[in-house]
Amino acid sequence: MSSKKSSPYYPDVPLFLILIPFISGFNYYLTYSNVQFNWWFIFTYTLDTLTGYVAWLGARKVILWLDNRMPYVDGFIKRVTVQFLLTTIVGLFIISFLTELSSLIVKGKWAHPSFYSHDLFIISIWFFVINAVYIMIHYYYKWQGTEEQAFLEKQRLQNGFLVKEGKNETRIPFDDIIGFAVEKDFVLLFSNEGKQFYLDSPLEKIASNLPSHLFFRLNRQYILHRAMITGFTKLENGKISVVLLEKDELPSEIPVSRTKAPTFKRWFRTPS
């Protein structure tokens, strides 16, 4: 977790520390037909790898800067297009500059023209790979965050419903709740123990805080637990009447409108 906090794209740093030497070696394979393993090869390979690290760091800076200025949520296509262009331009500029500088220092002359006509083209392809890796890491963490949020929400819903008793707050397990009903200006919660709790929230908001596989809002007045419902009977015009267990607090049957009846039937027939 600490590594993720220090780098929003972890494990990009250790990944590219390993990947860039491989990229340098692969570029040698594509560029030169006969590679001789001598001190000159070791020197140039090391120099190219270090140049690759600097170019990658430049591209990484661009990506982190874009995260603040142009997040993916503001437009995926636009963000990806700008990211590919900027990272490639910055990366190729760094590589070109360092290549010319090292060529002047070591050979005393500018880099060979083939560097721009051949080598740089091959190198530019790798920036597509670098960007693809960062995009995949970004959406992996986004997916992971969604999964974690869903898990926490599920845990929250499994804990029960919070009610107030005087100055105290009590969490009633969902399986201990018969249902909810509107009475005048309040909503009442009915428990299996015969207790009633007055709630300040409207029925619509209460419904959003209940696990949908256990509770169903039958109409504007009632939300009931699945265990209270024994079945339903069909009425005229597609309406139904939901049959309940006998409880003093609730009627024996509750009507459900024609528009809501199909949804209720699917919910009732689906195992909890």
Protein backbone atom coordinates (compact mmCIF):
# COMPACT_ATOMS: atom_id res chain seq x y z
CA MET A 1 0.00 0.00 0.00
CA SER A 2 2.82 2.41 0.78
CA SER A 3 4.31 1.78 -2.68
CA LYS A 4 0.98 2.63 -4.30
CA LYS A 5 0.84 5.89 -2.35
CA SER A 6 4.36 6.86 -3.42
CA SER A 7 3.63 6.09 -7.09
CA PRO A 8 0.13 6.33 -8.58
CA TYR A 9 1.27 3.89 -11.28
CA TYR A 10 3.09 1.37 -9.11
CA PRO A 11 4.82 -0.91 -10.10
CA ASP A 12 5.84 1.18 -13.12
CA VAL A 13 9.28 2.11 -11.74
CA PRO A 14 10.59 -1.44 -11.10
CA LEU A 15 8.85 -2.61 -14.28
CA PHE A 16 10.62 -0.12 -16.55
CA LEU A 17 13.94 -0.50 -14.72
CA ILE A 18 13.83 -4.06 -16.05
CA LEU A 19 12.04 -3.38 -19.34
CA ILE A 20 14.25 -0.60 -20.71
CA PRO A 21 17.48 -2.67 -20.86
CA PHE A 22 15.47 -5.28 -22.74
CA ILE A 23 14.18 -2.58 -25.12
CA SER A 24 17.75 -1.38 -25.73
CA GLY A 25 18.88 -4.92 -26.53
CA PHE A 26 15.92 -5.47 -28.86
CA ASN A 27 16.68 -2.21 -30.65
CA TYR A 28 20.24 -3.43 -31.24
CA TYR A 29 18.84 -6.63 -32.73
CA LEU A 30 16.60 -4.65 -35.10
CA THR A 31 19.22 -2.03 -35.99
CA TYR A 32 22.43 -4.01 -36.47
CA SER A 33 22.83 -7.24 -38.42
CA ASN A 34 26.19 -8.17 -36.87
CA VAL A 35 26.68 -7.28 -33.23
CA GLN A 36 30.11 -7.93 -31.75
CA PHE A 37 30.21 -8.36 -28.00
CA ASN A 38 33.21 -6.25 -27.07
CA TRP A 39 33.96 -3.23 -24.92
CA TRP A 40 32.48 -0.85 -27.52
CA PHE A 41 29.21 -2.78 -27.51
CA ILE A 42 29.10 -2.69 -23.70
CA PHE A 43 29.80 1.04 -23.70
CA THR A 44 27.20 1.97 -26.33
CA TYR A 45 24.60 -0.42 -24.90
CA THR A 46 25.04 1.09 -21.42
CA LEU A 47 24.85 4.61 -22.86
CA ASP A 48 21.69 3.81 -24.83
CA THR A 49 20.08 2.19 -21.79
CA LEU A 50 20.81 5.25 -19.62
CA THR A 51 19.41 7.47 -22.38
CA GLY A 52 16.31 5.26 -22.42
CA TYR A 53 15.87 5.72 -18.67
CA VAL A 54 16.02 9.51 -19.01
CA ALA A 55 13.52 9.47 -21.91
CA TRP A 56 11.16 7.23 -19.94
CA LEU A 57 11.36 9.55 -16.93
CA GLY A 58 10.51 12.48 -19.20
CA ALA A 59 7.49 10.61 -20.59
CA ARG A 60 6.44 9.67 -17.06
CA LYS A 61 6.58 13.33 -15.99
CA VAL A 62 4.29 14.20 -18.89
CA ILE A 63 1.79 11.49 -17.88
CA LEU A 64 1.73 12.65 -14.25
CA TRP A 65 1.29 16.25 -15.40
CA LEU A 66 -1.64 15.24 -17.64
CA ASP A 67 -3.27 13.42 -14.73
CA ASN A 68 -3.78 16.82 -13.09
CA ARG A 69 -4.47 18.90 -16.20
CA MET A 70 -6.43 16.46 -18.38
CA PRO A 71 -7.79 13.47 -16.43
CA TYR A 72 -9.20 10.48 -18.32
CA VAL A 73 -12.74 11.18 -17.07
CA ASP A 74 -12.82 14.47 -19.01
CA GLY A 75 -12.44 12.62 -22.32
CA PHE A 76 -10.63 9.35 -22.91
CA ILE A 77 -9.88 9.80 -26.62
CA LYS A 78 -8.59 13.35 -26.18
CA ARG A 79 -6.44 12.38 -23.19
CA VAL A 80 -4.91 9.35 -24.87
CA THR A 81 -4.21 11.25 -28.10
CA VAL A 82 -2.51 14.15 -26.31
CA GLN A 83 -0.60 11.74 -24.06
CA PHE A 84 0.76 9.70 -26.97
CA LEU A 85 1.82 12.82 -28.85
CA LEU A 86 3.43 14.64 -25.92
CA THR A 87 5.24 11.64 -24.45
CA THR A 88 6.59 10.66 -27.87
CA ILE A 89 7.74 14.20 -28.68
CA VAL A 90 9.38 14.68 -25.28
CA GLY A 91 10.93 11.22 -25.29
CA LEU A 92 12.34 11.49 -28.82
CA PHE A 93 13.67 14.97 -28.11
CA ILE A 94 15.53 13.71 -25.03
CA ILE A 95 16.94 10.73 -26.92
CA SER A 96 17.99 12.89 -29.89
CA PHE A 97 19.62 15.49 -27.67
CA LEU A 98 21.53 12.97 -25.57
CA THR A 99 22.53 10.96 -28.63
CA GLU A 100 23.96 14.05 -30.37
CA LEU A 101 25.68 15.13 -27.17
CA SER A 102 27.30 11.74 -26.59
CA SER A 103 28.30 11.51 -30.26
CA LEU A 104 30.03 14.89 -30.08
CA ILE A 105 31.82 13.94 -26.85
CA VAL A 106 32.90 10.45 -27.91
CA LYS A 107 33.36 10.81 -31.70
CA GLY A 108 33.69 14.55 -32.09
CA LYS A 109 30.96 14.69 -34.74
CA TRP A 110 27.16 14.69 -35.09
CA ALA A 111 25.18 11.46 -35.07
CA HIS A 112 24.88 9.57 -38.34
CA PRO A 113 21.82 10.57 -40.46
CA SER A 114 20.56 6.97 -40.27
CA PHE A 115 19.83 7.62 -36.60
CA TYR A 116 16.95 9.91 -37.64
CA SER A 117 15.78 7.91 -40.65
CA HIS A 118 15.90 4.46 -39.02
CA ASP A 119 16.81 4.29 -35.33
CA LEU A 120 14.47 7.04 -34.15
CA PHE A 121 11.53 5.47 -35.98
CA ILE A 122 12.08 2.16 -34.19
CA ILE A 123 12.46 3.93 -30.85
CA SER A 124 9.21 5.88 -31.38
CA ILE A 125 7.25 2.61 -31.54
CA TRP A 126 8.29 1.81 -27.97
CA PHE A 127 6.52 4.93 -26.72
CA PHE A 128 3.25 3.31 -27.78
CA VAL A 129 4.19 0.38 -25.53
CA ILE A 130 5.09 2.71 -22.64
CA ASN A 131 1.79 4.59 -22.96
CA ALA A 132 -0.19 1.35 -23.23
CA VAL A 133 1.38 0.12 -20.00
CA TYR A 134 0.47 3.32 -18.13
CA ILE A 135 -3.09 3.31 -19.47
CA MET A 136 -3.56 -0.31 -18.41
CA ILE A 137 -2.17 0.40 -14.93
CA HIS A 138 -4.50 3.41 -14.58
CA TYR A 139 -7.61 1.44 -15.47
CA TYR A 140 -6.53 -1.53 -13.39
CA TYR A 141 -6.46 0.68 -10.29
CA LYS A 142 -9.75 2.27 -11.33
CA TRP A 143 -11.32 -1.18 -11.62
CA GLN A 144 -9.73 -2.24 -8.33
CA GLY A 145 -11.14 0.87 -6.64
CA THR A 146 -14.61 0.12 -7.99
CA GLU A 147 -14.40 -3.44 -6.73
CA GLU A 148 -13.21 -2.27 -3.32
CA GLN A 149 -15.99 0.32 -3.14
CA ALA A 150 -18.57 -2.32 -4.04
CA PHE A 151 -17.16 -4.64 -1.37
CA LEU A 152 -17.31 -1.90 1.28
CA GLU A 153 -20.85 -1.04 0.23
CA LYS A 154 -21.83 -4.68 0.51
CA GLN A 155 -20.29 -4.85 3.98
CA ARG A 156 -22.12 -1.70 4.98
CA LEU A 157 -25.42 -3.11 3.80
CA GLN A 158 -24.82 -6.39 5.58
CA ASN A 159 -24.34 -4.68 8.93
CA GLY A 160 -27.91 -3.52 9.42
CA PHE A 161 -29.99 -0.35 9.61
CA LEU A 162 -29.06 2.46 12.02
CA VAL A 163 -31.88 3.87 14.21
CA LYS A 164 -32.02 6.30 17.12
CA GLU A 165 -33.38 5.45 20.56
CA GLY A 166 -33.34 8.67 22.54
CA LYS A 167 -29.70 9.74 22.70
CA ASN A 168 -28.45 6.33 21.61
CA GLU A 169 -27.98 4.89 18.14
CA THR A 170 -28.68 1.22 17.50
CA ARG A 171 -27.94 -0.88 14.45
CA ILE A 172 -30.71 -3.37 13.74
CA PRO A 173 -29.69 -6.38 11.62
CA PHE A 174 -31.62 -6.51 8.37
CA ASP A 175 -33.01 -9.94 9.13
CA ASP A 176 -34.56 -8.51 12.31
CA ILE A 177 -36.53 -5.94 10.31
CA ILE A 178 -40.06 -6.74 9.12
CA GLY A 179 -40.39 -3.63 7.02
CA PHE A 180 -41.02 0.09 6.82
CA ALA A 181 -44.29 2.00 6.54
CA VAL A 182 -45.30 5.64 6.13
CA GLU A 183 -47.59 6.95 8.87
CA LYS A 184 -48.56 10.61 8.63
CA ASP A 185 -45.32 12.63 8.58
CA PHE A 186 -43.00 9.82 9.70
CA VAL A 187 -41.65 6.51 8.53
CA LEU A 188 -41.85 3.63 10.97
CA LEU A 189 -39.44 0.72 11.15
CA PHE A 190 -41.01 -2.51 12.43
CA SER A 191 -38.77 -5.12 14.03
CA ASN A 192 -39.33 -8.83 14.61
CA GLU A 193 -39.37 -8.12 18.34
CA GLY A 194 -42.46 -5.94 17.97
CA LYS A 195 -40.57 -2.66 18.39
CA GLN A 196 -41.27 0.44 16.32
CA PHE A 197 -38.77 3.16 15.49
CA TYR A 198 -39.57 6.58 14.06
CA LEU A 199 -37.26 7.61 11.24
CA ASP A 200 -36.57 11.07 9.85
CA SER A 201 -35.61 9.94 6.35
CA PRO A 202 -38.18 9.58 3.53
CA LEU A 203 -39.03 6.13 2.25
CA GLU A 204 -37.16 6.69 -1.01
CA LYS A 205 -33.88 7.42 0.77
CA ILE A 206 -34.38 4.47 3.11
CA ALA A 207 -34.87 2.17 0.13
CA SER A 208 -31.50 3.25 -1.31
CA ASN A 209 -29.78 2.17 1.93
CA LEU A 210 -31.26 -1.33 1.98
CA PRO A 211 -29.94 -4.49 0.29
CA SER A 212 -32.17 -4.93 -2.73
CA HIS A 213 -32.14 -8.72 -2.51
CA LEU A 214 -33.82 -8.56 0.94
CA PHE A 215 -36.20 -5.61 0.67
CA PHE A 216 -38.70 -4.41 -1.90
CA ARG A 217 -40.60 -1.15 -2.05
CA LEU A 218 -44.13 -2.26 -2.85
CA ASN A 219 -45.67 1.18 -3.17
CA ARG A 220 -45.40 4.71 -1.77
CA GLN A 221 -46.25 3.49 1.72
CA TYR A 222 -44.48 0.16 2.28
CA ILE A 223 -41.05 -1.47 2.06
CA LEU A 224 -41.04 -5.08 3.23
CA HIS A 225 -38.50 -7.76 3.99
CA ARG A 226 -38.57 -10.81 1.73
CA ALA A 227 -39.27 -13.10 4.70
CA MET A 228 -42.61 -11.34 5.29
CA ILE A 229 -43.92 -12.08 1.80
CA THR A 230 -45.60 -15.43 1.18
CA GLY A 231 -46.83 -14.82 -2.36
CA PHE A 232 -49.09 -12.68 -4.52
CA THR A 233 -52.40 -12.80 -6.34
CA LYS A 234 -53.23 -11.25 -9.70
CA LEU A 235 -55.73 -8.41 -9.92
CA GLU A 236 -57.32 -6.63 -12.86
CA ASN A 237 -55.33 -4.45 -15.29
CA GLY A 238 -52.03 -6.18 -14.46
CA LYS A 239 -52.03 -5.20 -10.81
CA ILE A 240 -51.15 -7.67 -8.06
CA SER A 241 -51.81 -8.02 -4.35
CA VAL A 242 -48.84 -9.13 -2.25
CA VAL A 243 -49.75 -11.58 0.51
CA LEU A 244 -47.95 -11.19 3.85
CA LEU A 245 -47.43 -13.21 7.00
CA GLU A 246 -49.81 -12.28 9.79
CA LYS A 247 -48.42 -9.38 11.77
CA ASP A 248 -50.41 -6.92 13.87
CA GLU A 249 -48.37 -4.01 12.55
CA LEU A 250 -49.07 -4.73 8.88
CA PRO A 251 -52.07 -5.53 6.69
CA SER A 252 -52.54 -9.04 5.34
CA GLU A 253 -52.20 -7.87 1.74
CA ILE A 254 -50.66 -4.86 0.01
CA PRO A 255 -51.53 -3.77 -3.55
CA VAL A 256 -48.79 -3.24 -6.14
CA SER A 257 -49.31 -1.13 -9.25
CA ARG A 258 -49.33 -2.47 -12.80
CA THR A 259 -46.02 -0.75 -13.63
CA LYS A 260 -44.19 -2.16 -10.61
CA ALA A 261 -45.76 -5.65 -10.70
CA PRO A 262 -43.33 -7.19 -13.29
CA THR A 263 -40.30 -5.96 -11.31
CA PHE A 264 -41.71 -7.41 -8.11
CA LYS A 265 -42.39 -10.77 -9.77
CA ARG A 266 -38.78 -11.02 -10.98
CA TRP A 267 -37.48 -10.02 -7.55
CA PHE A 268 -39.78 -12.48 -5.73
CA ARG A 269 -38.82 -15.37 -8.02
CA THR A 270 -35.09 -14.68 -7.70
CA PRO A 271 -33.45 -16.52 -4.75
CA SER A 272 -31.98 -14.17 -2.14
